[in-house]
PDB file of N, CA and C in Angstrom:
ATOM      1  N   LYS A   1       5.102  27.026   8.445  1.00  0.00           N
ATOM      2  CA  LYS A   1       4.746  26.330   6.647  1.00  0.00           C
ATOM      3  C   LYS A   1       5.850  26.011   5.913  1.00  0.00           C
ATOM      4  N   GLN A   2       7.078  26.273   5.920  1.00  0.00           N
ATOM      5  CA  GLN A   2       8.236  26.614   4.657  1.00  0.00           C
ATOM      6  C   GLN A   2       8.737  24.607   5.149  1.00  0.00           C
ATOM      7  N   TRP A   3       8.443  24.115   6.348  1.00  0.00           N
ATOM      8  CA  TRP A   3       8.885  23.049   6.664  1.00  0.00           C
ATOM      9  C   TRP A   3       7.960  21.909   6.113  1.00  0.00           C
ATOM     10  N   TYR A   4       6.916  22.383   6.093  1.00  0.00           N
ATOM     11  CA  TYR A   4       5.843  21.492   5.655  1.00  0.00           C
ATOM     12  C   TYR A   4       6.031  21.404   4.099  1.00  0.00           C
ATOM     13  N   GLN A   5       5.958  22.291   3.180  1.00  0.00           N
ATOM     14  CA  GLN A   5       5.870  22.465   1.951  1.00  0.00           C
ATOM     15  C   GLN A   5       6.966  21.661   1.340  1.00  0.00           C
ATOM     16  N   ARG A   6       8.495  21.823   2.329  1.00  0.00           N
ATOM     17  CA  ARG A   6       9.340  21.034   1.794  1.00  0.00           C
ATOM     18  C   ARG A   6       9.175  19.524   1.993  1.00  0.00           C
ATOM     19  N   ARG A   7       8.644  18.937   2.841  1.00  0.00           N
ATOM     20  CA  ARG A   7       8.204  17.603   3.708  1.00  0.00           C
ATOM     21  C   ARG A   7       7.080  16.908   2.183  1.00  0.00           C
ATOM     22  N   VAL A   8       6.360  17.403   1.925  1.00  0.00           N
ATOM     23  CA  VAL A   8       5.117  17.190   1.061  1.00  0.00           C
ATOM     24  C   VAL A   8       6.194  17.558  -0.647  1.00  0.00           C
ATOM     25  N   ARG A   9       6.689  18.305  -0.776  1.00  0.00           N
ATOM     26  CA  ARG A   9       7.683  17.945  -2.072  1.00  0.00           C
ATOM     27  C   ARG A   9       8.313  17.010  -1.964  1.00  0.00           C
ATOM     28  N   GLY A  10       8.992  16.649  -0.601  1.00  0.00           N
ATOM     29  CA  GLY A  10      10.026  15.360  -0.440  1.00  0.00           C
ATOM     30  C   GLY A  10       8.726  13.916  -0.454  1.00  0.00           C
ATOM     31  N   ILE A  11       7.968  14.266  -0.357  1.00  0.00           N
ATOM     32  CA  ILE A  11       7.076  12.902  -0.382  1.00  0.00           C
ATOM     33  C   ILE A  11       6.901  12.810  -1.437  1.00  0.00           C
ATOM     34  N   ARG A  12       6.260  13.665  -2.191  1.00  0.00           N
ATOM     35  CA  ARG A  12       5.644  13.745  -3.692  1.00  0.00           C
ATOM     36  C   ARG A  12       6.969  13.221  -4.798  1.00  0.00           C
ATOM     37  N   GLU A  13       8.480  13.697  -4.355  1.00  0.00           N
ATOM     38  CA  GLU A  13       9.564  12.991  -5.011  1.00  0.00           C
ATOM     39  C   GLU A  13       9.676  11.504  -4.885  1.00  0.00           C
ATOM     40  N   ALA A  14       9.584  11.139  -3.969  1.00  0.00           N
ATOM     41  CA  ALA A  14       9.574   9.761  -3.218  1.00  0.00           C
ATOM     42  C   ALA A  14       8.630   8.907  -3.866  1.00  0.00           C
ATOM     43  N   ALA A  15       7.201   9.755  -4.145  1.00  0.00           N
ATOM     44  CA  ALA A  15       6.441   8.529  -4.238  1.00  0.00           C
ATOM     45  C   ALA A  15       6.232   8.473  -6.097  1.00  0.00           C
ATOM     46  N   SER A  16       7.104   9.645  -6.745  1.00  0.00           N
ATOM     47  CA  SER A  16       7.245  10.124  -7.956  1.00  0.00           C
ATOM     48  C   SER A  16       7.923   8.740  -8.824  1.00  0.00           C
ATOM     49  N   GLN A  17       8.486   7.576  -7.597  1.00  0.00           N
ATOM     50  CA  GLN A  17       9.538   6.937  -8.344  1.00  0.00           C
ATOM     51  C   GLN A  17       8.749   5.592  -8.884  1.00  0.00           C
ATOM     52  N   PHE A  18       7.534   5.755  -7.912  1.00  0.00           N
ATOM     53  CA  PHE A  18       6.962   4.628  -8.022  1.00  0.00           C
ATOM     54  C   PHE A  18       5.373   4.788  -8.341  1.00  0.00           C
ATOM     55  N   TYR A  19       5.146   5.806  -8.539  1.00  0.00           N
ATOM     56  CA  TYR A  19       3.335   6.467  -9.533  1.00  0.00           C
ATOM     57  C   TYR A  19       3.987   7.280 -10.855  1.00  0.00           C
ATOM     58  N   ASP A  20       3.645   7.389 -11.527  1.00  0.00           N
ATOM     59  CA  ASP A  20       3.816   8.342 -12.031  1.00  0.00           C
ATOM     60  C   ASP A  20       2.637   9.652 -11.712  1.00  0.00           C
ATOM     61  N   ILE A  21       3.164  10.524 -11.656  1.00  0.00           N
ATOM     62  CA  ILE A  21       2.025  11.309 -10.891  1.00  0.00           C
ATOM     63  C   ILE A  21       0.835  12.078 -11.777  1.00  0.00           C
ATOM     64  N   ASP A  22       0.963  12.175 -13.010  1.00  0.00           N
ATOM     65  CA  ASP A  22      -0.154  12.357 -13.835  1.00  0.00           C
ATOM     66  C   ASP A  22      -0.942  11.241 -13.735  1.00  0.00           C
ATOM     67  N   GLU A  23      -0.810   9.837 -13.768  1.00  0.00           N
ATOM     68  CA  GLU A  23      -1.744   8.911 -13.217  1.00  0.00           C
ATOM     69  C   GLU A  23      -2.418   8.825 -12.009  1.00  0.00           C
ATOM     70  N   VAL A  24      -1.591   9.404 -11.004  1.00  0.00           N
ATOM     71  CA  VAL A  24      -2.144   9.239  -9.708  1.00  0.00           C
ATOM     72  C   VAL A  24      -3.290  10.570  -9.283  1.00  0.00           C
ATOM     73  N   GLN A  25      -2.439  10.982 -10.375  1.00  0.00           N
ATOM     74  CA  GLN A  25      -4.293  12.519 -10.907  1.00  0.00           C
ATOM     75  C   GLN A  25      -5.473  11.965 -11.313  1.00  0.00           C
ATOM     76  N   GLU A  26      -5.479  11.057 -11.779  1.00  0.00           N
ATOM     77  CA  GLU A  26      -6.605  10.402 -13.058  1.00  0.00           C
ATOM     78  C   GLU A  26      -7.780  10.330 -11.890  1.00  0.00           C
ATOM     79  N   LYS A  27      -8.841  10.711 -12.318  1.00  0.00           N
ATOM     80  CA  LYS A  27      -9.982  10.815 -11.723  1.00  0.00           C
ATOM     81  C   LYS A  27     -10.838   9.663 -12.474  1.00  0.00           C
ATOM     82  N   ALA A  28     -11.519   8.895 -11.136  1.00  0.00           N
ATOM     83  CA  ALA A  28     -12.401   7.527 -11.467  1.00  0.00           C
ATOM     84  C   ALA A  28     -13.475   8.366 -11.673  1.00  0.00           C
ATOM     85  N   ASP A  29     -13.971   7.059 -12.325  1.00  0.00           N
ATOM     86  CA  ASP A  29     -15.560   7.436 -12.555  1.00  0.00           C
ATOM     87  C   ASP A  29     -15.875   5.874 -12.415  1.00  0.00           C
ATOM     88  N   LEU A  30     -17.442   5.581 -11.819  1.00  0.00           N
ATOM     89  CA  LEU A  30     -18.081   4.609 -11.545  1.00  0.00           C
ATOM     90  C   LEU A  30     -18.788   3.925 -12.615  1.00  0.00           C
ATOM     91  N   ASN A  31     -18.633   4.712 -14.085  1.00  0.00           N
ATOM     92  CA  ASN A  31     -19.313   3.963 -15.044  1.00  0.00           C
ATOM     93  C   ASN A  31     -18.314   2.922 -15.399  1.00  0.00           C
ATOM     94  N   GLU A  32     -16.791   3.277 -15.517  1.00  0.00           N
ATOM     95  CA  GLU A  32     -15.742   2.465 -16.222  1.00  0.00           C
ATOM     96  C   GLU A  32     -15.347   1.276 -15.328  1.00  0.00           C
ATOM     97  N   LEU A  33     -15.945   1.193 -14.142  1.00  0.00           N
ATOM     98  CA  LEU A  33     -15.648   0.705 -13.035  1.00  0.00           C
ATOM     99  C   LEU A  33     -15.290  -1.056 -13.728  1.00  0.00           C
ATOM    100  N   GLU A  34     -15.484  -1.663 -15.029  1.00  0.00           N
ATOM    101  CA  GLU A  34     -15.320  -2.990 -15.241  1.00  0.00           C
ATOM    102  C   GLU A  34     -13.906  -2.540 -16.410  1.00  0.00           C
ATOM    103  N   SER A  35     -13.733  -1.610 -16.526  1.00  0.00           N
ATOM    104  CA  SER A  35     -12.046  -1.795 -17.096  1.00  0.00           C
ATOM    105  C   SER A  35     -11.524  -1.441 -16.094  1.00  0.00           C
ATOM    106  N   TYR A  36     -11.719  -1.389 -15.104  1.00  0.00           N
ATOM    107  CA  TYR A  36     -10.043  -1.018 -13.521  1.00  0.00           C
ATOM    108  C   TYR A  36     -10.057  -2.079 -13.412  1.00  0.00           C
ATOM    109  N   VAL A  37     -11.410  -3.086 -13.724  1.00  0.00           N
ATOM    110  CA  VAL A  37     -11.060  -4.600 -13.119  1.00  0.00           C
ATOM    111  C   VAL A  37     -10.310  -5.094 -14.466  1.00  0.00           C
ATOM    112  N   ASP A  38     -10.385  -4.883 -15.015  1.00  0.00           N
ATOM    113  CA  ASP A  38      -9.432  -4.896 -16.486  1.00  0.00           C
ATOM    114  C   ASP A  38      -7.838  -5.506 -15.893  1.00  0.00           C
ATOM    115  N   LEU A  39      -7.889  -4.177 -15.699  1.00  0.00           N
ATOM    116  CA  LEU A  39      -6.423  -3.682 -15.340  1.00  0.00           C
ATOM    117  C   LEU A  39      -5.387  -4.378 -14.302  1.00  0.00           C
ATOM    118  N   LEU A  40      -6.370  -5.273 -13.597  1.00  0.00           N
ATOM    119  CA  LEU A  40      -6.314  -5.705 -12.382  1.00  0.00           C
ATOM    120  C   LEU A  40      -5.282  -7.688 -13.188  1.00  0.00           C
ATOM    121  N   TYR A  41      -5.821  -7.554 -14.471  1.00  0.00           N
ATOM    122  CA  TYR A  41      -4.867  -8.270 -14.817  1.00  0.00           C
ATOM    123  C   TYR A  41      -3.949  -8.509 -15.542  1.00  0.00           C
ATOM    124  N   ASP A  42      -3.160  -7.576 -15.464  1.00  0.00           N
ATOM    125  CA  ASP A  42      -1.655  -7.204 -16.083  1.00  0.00           C
ATOM    126  C   ASP A  42      -0.566  -6.756 -15.207  1.00  0.00           C
ATOM    127  N   ASP A  43       0.110  -6.246 -15.575  1.00  0.00           N
ATOM    128  CA  ASP A  43       1.541  -5.773 -14.979  1.00  0.00           C
ATOM    129  C   ASP A  43       1.122  -5.086 -13.638  1.00  0.00           C
ATOM    130  N   MET A  44       2.472  -5.137 -12.709  1.00  0.00           N
ATOM    131  CA  MET A  44       2.213  -4.916 -11.140  1.00  0.00           C
ATOM    132  C   MET A  44       1.685  -3.176 -11.954  1.00  0.00           C
ATOM    133  N   LYS A  45       2.560  -2.443 -11.887  1.00  0.00           N
ATOM    134  CA  LYS A  45       2.338  -0.562 -11.954  1.00  0.00           C
ATOM    135  C   LYS A  45       0.499  -0.890 -12.803  1.00  0.00           C
ATOM    136  N   THR A  46       0.309  -1.262 -13.235  1.00  0.00           N
ATOM    137  CA  THR A  46      -1.458  -0.918 -14.103  1.00  0.00           C
ATOM    138  C   THR A  46      -2.309  -1.862 -12.963  1.00  0.00           C
ATOM    139  N   LYS A  47      -1.740  -2.975 -12.194  1.00  0.00           N
ATOM    140  CA  LYS A  47      -2.413  -3.394 -10.970  1.00  0.00           C
ATOM    141  C   LYS A  47      -2.622  -2.086  -9.883  1.00  0.00           C
ATOM    142  N   ILE A  48      -1.394  -1.508  -9.838  1.00  0.00           N
ATOM    143  CA  ILE A  48      -1.400  -0.674  -8.678  1.00  0.00           C
ATOM    144  C   ILE A  48      -2.387   0.765  -8.975  1.00  0.00           C
ATOM    145  N   ARG A  49      -2.564   1.050 -10.620  1.00  0.00           N
ATOM    146  CA  ARG A  49      -3.481   2.092 -11.229  1.00  0.00           C
ATOM    147  C   ARG A  49      -5.008   1.652 -11.070  1.00  0.00           C
ATOM    148  N   GLY A  50      -4.959   0.263 -11.199  1.00  0.00           N
ATOM    149  CA  GLY A  50      -6.823  -0.461 -11.435  1.00  0.00           C
ATOM    150  C   GLY A  50      -6.974  -0.372  -9.979  1.00  0.00           C
ATOM    151  N   THR A  51      -6.279  -0.969  -9.007  1.00  0.00           N
ATOM    152  CA  THR A  51      -6.824  -0.103  -7.464  1.00  0.00           C
ATOM    153  C   THR A  51      -6.779   0.763  -6.901  1.00  0.00           C
ATOM    154  N   SER A  52      -5.926   2.137  -7.309  1.00  0.00           N
ATOM    155  CA  SER A  52      -5.933   3.069  -6.871  1.00  0.00           C
ATOM    156  C   SER A  52      -7.222   3.666  -7.673  1.00  0.00           C
ATOM    157  N   LEU A  53      -7.520   3.739  -8.782  1.00  0.00           N
ATOM    158  CA  LEU A  53      -8.807   4.145  -9.346  1.00  0.00           C
ATOM    159  C   LEU A  53     -10.109   3.539  -8.660  1.00  0.00           C
ATOM    160  N   ILE A  54     -10.498   2.097  -8.172  1.00  0.00           N
ATOM    161  CA  ILE A  54     -11.008   1.209  -7.681  1.00  0.00           C
ATOM    162  C   ILE A  54     -10.942   1.986  -6.203  1.00  0.00           C
ATOM    163  N   LEU A  55     -10.556   2.261  -5.801  1.00  0.00           N
ATOM    164  CA  LEU A  55     -10.691   2.987  -4.392  1.00  0.00           C
ATOM    165  C   LEU A  55     -10.898   4.125  -4.421  1.00  0.00           C
ATOM    166  N   GLN A  56     -10.656   5.390  -5.713  1.00  0.00           N
ATOM    167  CA  GLN A  56     -11.413   6.254  -5.381  1.00  0.00           C
ATOM    168  C   GLN A  56     -12.394   6.427  -5.381  1.00  0.00           C
ATOM    169  N   ILE A  57     -13.202   5.014  -5.936  1.00  0.00           N
ATOM    170  CA  ILE A  57     -15.105   4.840  -5.875  1.00  0.00           C
ATOM    171  C   ILE A  57     -15.131   4.412  -4.784  1.00  0.00           C
ATOM    172  N   ALA A  58     -14.777   3.897  -3.852  1.00  0.00           N
ATOM    173  CA  ALA A  58     -14.989   3.079  -2.699  1.00  0.00           C
ATOM    174  C   ALA A  58     -14.849   4.397  -1.788  1.00  0.00           C
ATOM    175  N   ARG A  59     -14.055   5.157  -1.889  1.00  0.00           N
ATOM    176  CA  ARG A  59     -13.814   6.531  -0.973  1.00  0.00           C
ATOM    177  C   ARG A  59     -15.533   6.882  -0.616  1.00  0.00           C
ATOM    178  N   ASN A  60     -15.915   6.930  -1.513  1.00  0.00           N
ATOM    179  CA  ASN A  60     -17.486   7.702  -1.567  1.00  0.00           C
ATOM    180  C   ASN A  60     -18.585   6.569  -1.036  1.00  0.00           C
ATOM    181  N   PRO A  61     -19.064   6.987   0.052  1.00  0.00           N
ATOM    182  CA  PRO A  61     -19.801   5.397   0.474  1.00  0.00           C
ATOM    183  C   PRO A  61     -21.296   5.423  -0.666  1.00  0.00           C
ATOM    184  N   ASP A  62     -21.504   6.478  -1.174  1.00  0.00           N
ATOM    185  CA  ASP A  62     -22.888   6.048  -2.273  1.00  0.00           C
ATOM    186  C   ASP A  62     -22.426   5.274  -3.014  1.00  0.00           C
ATOM    187  N   ASN A  63     -21.186   5.242  -3.188  1.00  0.00           N
ATOM    188  CA  ASN A  63     -20.827   4.169  -4.460  1.00  0.00           C
ATOM    189  C   ASN A  63     -20.818   2.421  -3.505  1.00  0.00           C
ATOM    190  N   LEU A  64     -20.815   2.428  -2.225  1.00  0.00           N
ATOM    191  CA  LEU A  64     -20.304   1.029  -2.306  1.00  0.00           C
ATOM    192  C   LEU A  64     -21.053  -0.004  -2.712  1.00  0.00           C
ATOM    193  N   ALA A  65     -22.446   0.266  -2.185  1.00  0.00           N
ATOM    194  CA  ALA A  65     -23.859  -0.717  -3.276  1.00  0.00           C
ATOM    195  C   ALA A  65     -23.071  -1.116  -4.599  1.00  0.00           C
ATOM    196  N   GLU A  66     -22.900  -0.023  -4.840  1.00  0.00           N
ATOM    197  CA  GLU A  66     -22.700  -0.375  -6.827  1.00  0.00           C
ATOM    198  C   GLU A  66     -21.474  -1.837  -6.827  1.00  0.00           C
ATOM    199  N   LEU A  67     -20.179  -1.352  -5.692  1.00  0.00           N
ATOM    200  CA  LEU A  67     -19.643  -2.381  -5.981  1.00  0.00           C
ATOM    201  C   LEU A  67     -19.847  -3.866  -5.220  1.00  0.00           C
ATOM    202  N   ILE A  68     -20.547  -3.421  -4.607  1.00  0.00           N
ATOM    203  CA  ILE A  68     -21.296  -4.905  -3.929  1.00  0.00           C
ATOM    204  C   ILE A  68     -21.427  -5.683  -4.571  1.00  0.00           C
ATOM    205  N   ASP A  69     -22.850  -4.960  -5.599  1.00  0.00           N
ATOM    206  CA  ASP A  69     -23.357  -5.693  -6.424  1.00  0.00           C
ATOM    207  C   ASP A  69     -22.612  -6.329  -7.463  1.00  0.00           C
ATOM    208  N   ASN A  70     -21.510  -5.739  -7.660  1.00  0.00           N
ATOM    209  CA  ASN A  70     -20.691  -6.602  -8.582  1.00  0.00           C
ATOM    210  C   ASN A  70     -19.483  -7.088  -8.241  1.00  0.00           C
ATOM    211  N   GLU A  71     -19.945  -8.473  -8.068  1.00  0.00           N
ATOM    212  CA  GLU A  71     -18.933  -9.592  -7.814  1.00  0.00           C
ATOM    213  C   GLU A  71     -17.888  -9.619  -8.369  1.00  0.00           C
ATOM    214  N   MET A  72     -17.809  -9.476  -9.639  1.00  0.00           N
ATOM    215  CA  MET A  72     -16.611  -9.611 -10.835  1.00  0.00           C
ATOM    216  C   MET A  72     -14.907  -8.527  -9.609  1.00  0.00           C
ATOM    217  N   VAL A  73     -15.925  -7.502  -9.049  1.00  0.00           N
ATOM    218  CA  VAL A  73     -14.538  -6.317  -8.697  1.00  0.00           C
ATOM    219  C   VAL A  73     -14.312  -7.041  -7.586  1.00  0.00           C
ATOM    220  N   LEU A  74     -15.049  -7.532  -6.865  1.00  0.00           N
ATOM    221  CA  LEU A  74     -14.611  -8.155  -5.400  1.00  0.00           C
ATOM    222  C   LEU A  74     -14.119  -9.436  -5.657  1.00  0.00           C
ATOM    223  N   GLY A  75     -14.398 -10.166  -6.069  1.00  0.00           N
ATOM    224  CA  GLY A  75     -13.529 -11.681  -6.462  1.00  0.00           C
ATOM    225  C   GLY A  75     -12.114 -10.862  -7.332  1.00  0.00           C
ATOM    226  N   ALA A  76     -11.988 -10.184  -8.133  1.00  0.00           N
ATOM    227  CA  ALA A  76     -10.915 -10.016  -8.685  1.00  0.00           C
ATOM    228  C   ALA A  76     -10.021  -9.234  -7.253  1.00  0.00           C
ATOM    229  N   LEU A  77     -10.489  -8.202  -6.586  1.00  0.00           N
ATOM    230  CA  LEU A  77      -9.718  -7.889  -5.683  1.00  0.00           C
ATOM    231  C   LEU A  77      -9.131  -8.425  -4.420  1.00  0.00           C
ATOM    232  N   SER A  78      -9.979  -9.456  -4.098  1.00  0.00           N
ATOM    233  CA  SER A  78      -9.961 -10.698  -3.321  1.00  0.00           C
ATOM    234  C   SER A  78      -8.707 -11.359  -3.624  1.00  0.00           C
ATOM    235  N   ARG A  79      -8.293 -11.825  -4.948  1.00  0.00           N
ATOM    236  CA  ARG A  79      -8.004 -12.985  -5.917  1.00  0.00           C
ATOM    237  C   ARG A  79      -6.761 -12.293  -5.845  1.00  0.00           C
ATOM    238  N   VAL A  80      -5.934 -10.693  -6.051  1.00  0.00           N
ATOM    239  CA  VAL A  80      -4.755  -9.985  -6.527  1.00  0.00           C
ATOM    240  C   VAL A  80      -4.536  -9.745  -5.213  1.00  0.00           C
ATOM    241  N   LEU A  81      -5.202  -9.705  -3.873  1.00  0.00           N
ATOM    242  CA  LEU A  81      -4.571  -9.383  -2.839  1.00  0.00           C
ATOM    243  C   LEU A  81      -4.049 -10.812  -2.323  1.00  0.00           C
ATOM    244  N   ARG A  82      -4.461 -11.851  -2.133  1.00  0.00           N
ATOM    245  CA  ARG A  82      -4.330 -13.535  -1.845  1.00  0.00           C
ATOM    246  C   ARG A  82      -2.568 -13.630  -2.411  1.00  0.00           C
ATOM    247  N   GLU A  83      -2.562 -13.451  -4.085  1.00  0.00           N
ATOM    248  CA  GLU A  83      -1.617 -13.597  -4.933  1.00  0.00           C
ATOM    249  C   GLU A  83      -0.143 -12.693  -4.560  1.00  0.00           C
ATOM    250  N   ASP A  84      -0.861 -11.369  -4.716  1.00  0.00           N
ATOM    251  CA  ASP A  84       0.594 -10.409  -5.018  1.00  0.00           C
ATOM    252  C   ASP A  84       0.858  -9.691  -3.902  1.00  0.00           C
ATOM    253  N   TRP A  85      -0.009 -10.177  -2.465  1.00  0.00           N
ATOM    254  CA  TRP A  85       0.237  -8.993  -1.104  1.00  0.00           C
ATOM    255  C   TRP A  85       1.825  -9.060  -0.459  1.00  0.00           C
ATOM    256  N   LYS A  86       2.186 -10.180  -1.116  1.00  0.00           N
ATOM    257  CA  LYS A  86       3.930  -9.573  -0.859  1.00  0.00           C
ATOM    258  C   LYS A  86       4.976  -8.899  -1.788  1.00  0.00           C
ATOM    259  N   LYS A  87       3.791  -8.766  -3.243  1.00  0.00           N
ATOM    260  CA  LYS A  87       5.271  -8.169  -4.208  1.00  0.00           C
ATOM    261  C   LYS A  87       5.179  -6.864  -4.537  1.00  0.00           C
ATOM    262  N   SER A  88       4.050  -5.913  -3.675  1.00  0.00           N
ATOM    263  CA  SER A  88       4.116  -4.350  -3.879  1.00  0.00           C
ATOM    264  C   SER A  88       2.829  -4.012  -2.498  1.00  0.00           C
ATOM    265  N   ILE A  89       3.607  -3.607  -1.595  1.00  0.00           N
ATOM    266  CA  ILE A  89       3.270  -2.633  -0.867  1.00  0.00           C
ATOM    267  C   ILE A  89       2.075  -1.710  -1.105  1.00  0.00           C
ATOM    268  N   ASP A  90       2.345  -0.905  -2.255  1.00  0.00           N
ATOM    269  CA  ASP A  90       1.330   0.048  -2.601  1.00  0.00           C
ATOM    270  C   ASP A  90      -0.296  -1.099  -2.862  1.00  0.00           C
ATOM    271  N   LEU A  91       0.069  -2.196  -4.088  1.00  0.00           N
ATOM    272  CA  LEU A  91      -0.741  -2.679  -4.440  1.00  0.00           C
ATOM    273  C   LEU A  91      -1.855  -2.959  -3.225  1.00  0.00           C
ATOM    274  N   CYS A  92      -1.210  -3.762  -2.173  1.00  0.00           N
ATOM    275  CA  CYS A  92      -1.753  -4.025  -0.938  1.00  0.00           C
ATOM    276  C   CYS A  92      -2.864  -3.307  -0.202  1.00  0.00           C
ATOM    277  N   THR A  93      -1.819  -2.211  -0.072  1.00  0.00           N
ATOM    278  CA  THR A  93      -2.292  -0.568   0.525  1.00  0.00           C
ATOM    279  C   THR A  93      -3.794  -0.606   0.132  1.00  0.00           C
ATOM    280  N   ASN A  94      -3.550  -0.011  -1.263  1.00  0.00           N
ATOM    281  CA  ASN A  94      -5.034  -0.043  -2.277  1.00  0.00           C
ATOM    282  C   ASN A  94      -5.975  -0.988  -2.055  1.00  0.00           C
ATOM    283  N   ILE A  95      -5.795  -1.943  -1.853  1.00  0.00           N
ATOM    284  CA  ILE A  95      -6.547  -2.968  -1.550  1.00  0.00           C
ATOM    285  C   ILE A  95      -7.665  -3.091  -0.480  1.00  0.00           C
ATOM    286  N   VAL A  96      -6.479  -3.388   0.371  1.00  0.00           N
ATOM    287  CA  VAL A  96      -6.950  -3.416   1.854  1.00  0.00           C
ATOM    288  C   VAL A  96      -7.858  -1.855   2.684  1.00  0.00           C
ATOM    289  N   TYR A  97      -6.858  -0.803   1.439  1.00  0.00           N
ATOM    290  CA  TYR A  97      -8.178   0.479   1.836  1.00  0.00           C
ATOM    291  C   TYR A  97      -9.447   0.527   1.245  1.00  0.00           C
ATOM    292  N   ILE A  98      -9.286  -0.309   0.244  1.00  0.00           N
ATOM    293  CA  ILE A  98     -10.846  -0.558  -0.598  1.00  0.00           C
ATOM    294  C   ILE A  98     -11.613  -1.348   0.151  1.00  0.00           C
ATOM    295  N   PHE A  99     -11.243  -2.412   1.111  1.00  0.00           N
ATOM    296  CA  PHE A  99     -12.188  -3.015   1.898  1.00  0.00           C
ATOM    297  C   PHE A  99     -12.473  -2.503   3.603  1.00  0.00           C
ATOM    298  N   PHE A 100     -11.637  -1.479   3.556  1.00  0.00           N
ATOM    299  CA  PHE A 100     -11.560  -0.521   5.123  1.00  0.00           C
ATOM    300  C   PHE A 100     -12.623  -0.184   5.154  1.00  0.00           C
ATOM    301  N   CYS A 101     -13.096   0.604   3.627  1.00  0.00           N
ATOM    302  CA  CYS A 101     -14.320   1.166   3.451  1.00  0.00           C
ATOM    303  C   CYS A 101     -15.570   0.470   3.823  1.00  0.00           C
ATOM    304  N   PHE A 102     -15.620  -0.650   3.339  1.00  0.00           N
ATOM    305  CA  PHE A 102     -16.495  -1.597   3.452  1.00  0.00           C
ATOM    306  C   PHE A 102     -16.706  -2.350   5.085  1.00  0.00           C
ATOM    307  N   SER A 103     -15.710  -2.111   5.947  1.00  0.00           N
ATOM    308  CA  SER A 103     -15.883  -2.553   7.066  1.00  0.00           C
ATOM    309  C   SER A 103     -16.446  -1.237   7.862  1.00  0.00           C
ATOM    310  N   SER A 104     -16.354   0.382   7.375  1.00  0.00           N
ATOM    311  CA  SER A 104     -17.064   1.265   8.129  1.00  0.00           C
ATOM    312  C   SER A 104     -18.153   0.782   8.285  1.00  0.00           C
ATOM    313  N   PHE A 105     -19.207   0.027   7.698  1.00  0.00           N
ATOM    314  CA  PHE A 105     -20.612   0.200   7.792  1.00  0.00           C
ATOM    315  C   PHE A 105     -20.902  -1.566   7.643  1.00  0.00           C
ATOM    316  N   SER A 106     -21.934  -2.023   9.257  1.00  0.00           N
ATOM    317  CA  SER A 106     -21.601  -2.887   9.319  1.00  0.00           C
ATOM    318  C   SER A 106     -22.440  -4.104   8.634  1.00  0.00           C
ATOM    319  N   ASP A 107     -23.531  -3.183   7.483  1.00  0.00           N
ATOM    320  CA  ASP A 107     -23.965  -4.035   6.711  1.00  0.00           C
ATOM    321  C   ASP A 107     -23.434  -4.865   5.590  1.00  0.00           C
ATOM    322  N   PHE A 108     -22.010  -4.335   5.434  1.00  0.00           N
ATOM    323  CA  PHE A 108     -20.989  -5.217   4.359  1.00  0.00           C
ATOM    324  C   PHE A 108     -19.873  -5.430   5.593  1.00  0.00           C
ATOM    325  N   HIS A 109     -20.058  -6.194   6.887  1.00  0.00           N
ATOM    326  CA  HIS A 109     -19.409  -6.770   7.193  1.00  0.00           C
ATOM    327  C   HIS A 109     -19.345  -8.742   6.788  1.00  0.00           C
ATOM    328  N   ALA A 110     -20.312  -9.080   6.423  1.00  0.00           N
ATOM    329  CA  ALA A 110     -21.382 -10.437   6.245  1.00  0.00           C
ATOM    330  C   ALA A 110     -20.258 -10.787   4.494  1.00  0.00           C
ATOM    331  N   LEU A 111     -19.949  -9.510   3.867  1.00  0.00           N
ATOM    332  CA  LEU A 111     -18.913  -9.562   2.947  1.00  0.00           C
ATOM    333  C   LEU A 111     -18.101  -9.998   2.445  1.00  0.00           C
ATOM    334  N   LEU A 112     -16.709  -9.152   4.010  1.00  0.00           N
ATOM    335  CA  LEU A 112     -16.041  -9.205   4.105  1.00  0.00           C
ATOM    336  C   LEU A 112     -15.562 -10.611   4.725  1.00  0.00           C
ATOM    337  N   LEU A 113     -16.341 -11.179   5.642  1.00  0.00           N
ATOM    338  CA  LEU A 113     -15.831 -12.721   5.847  1.00  0.00           C
ATOM    339  C   LEU A 113     -16.512 -13.550   4.635  1.00  0.00           C
ATOM    340  N   GLN A 114     -17.282 -13.405   3.751  1.00  0.00           N
ATOM    341  CA  GLN A 114     -17.308 -13.944   2.461  1.00  0.00           C
ATOM    342  C   GLN A 114     -16.125 -14.035   1.486  1.00  0.00           C
ATOM    343  N   TYR A 115     -15.567 -13.044   1.178  1.00  0.00           N
ATOM    344  CA  TYR A 115     -14.387 -12.954   0.255  1.00  0.00           C
ATOM    345  C   TYR A 115     -13.409 -13.428   1.525  1.00  0.00           C
ATOM    346  N   LYS A 116     -13.143 -13.919   2.680  1.00  0.00           N
ATOM    347  CA  LYS A 116     -12.142 -14.029   3.855  1.00  0.00           C
ATOM    348  C   LYS A 116     -10.936 -12.789   3.913  1.00  0.00           C
ATOM    349  N   ILE A 117     -11.419 -11.650   3.551  1.00  0.00           N
ATOM    350  CA  ILE A 117     -10.806 -10.300   4.264  1.00  0.00           C
ATOM    351  C   ILE A 117     -10.021 -10.612   5.487  1.00  0.00           C
ATOM    352  N   GLY A 118      -8.715 -10.417   5.625  1.00  0.00           N
ATOM    353  CA  GLY A 118      -8.323 -10.271   6.869  1.00  0.00           C
ATOM    354  C   GLY A 118      -7.613 -11.951   7.225  1.00  0.00           C
ATOM    355  N   SER A 119      -8.176 -12.625   6.324  1.00  0.00           N
ATOM    356  CA  SER A 119      -7.448 -13.946   6.721  1.00  0.00           C
ATOM    357  C   SER A 119      -6.575 -14.263   5.225  1.00  0.00           C
ATOM    358  N   SER A 120      -6.603 -13.304   4.501  1.00  0.00           N
ATOM    359  CA  SER A 120      -5.882 -13.004   3.239  1.00  0.00           C
ATOM    360  C   SER A 120      -4.235 -13.296   3.451  1.00  0.00           C
ATOM    361  N   CYS A 121      -3.757 -12.206   3.777  1.00  0.00           N
ATOM    362  CA  CYS A 121      -2.545 -12.370   4.068  1.00  0.00           C
ATOM    363  C   CYS A 121      -1.600 -12.442   5.440  1.00  0.00           C
TER     364      CYS A 121
END
């Protein structure tokens, strides 16, 4: 148990170099989705924050239909992935994880093809 606690503490310390710990614990709200998309047009740290908040929303399967209906969100995510995937592993991981949430349901596979996810990087 002590080994595990030391390991978690080490991971948190390492992550704090890239993330503000308070920022990571920010709770996403589906009603704020458009403001999270606006974050994707800012600097890298802000883009990571925006994708992290969108990822929180996407991890709830009940929200996927809402995300699908919002072409602005999907277009912005695919654009950022195409343009910035080499610049930040955290940004890339967040966006790929968001699209992974869609891939878990066969109904959304056409969406992944439409936005050319997988051929982007």
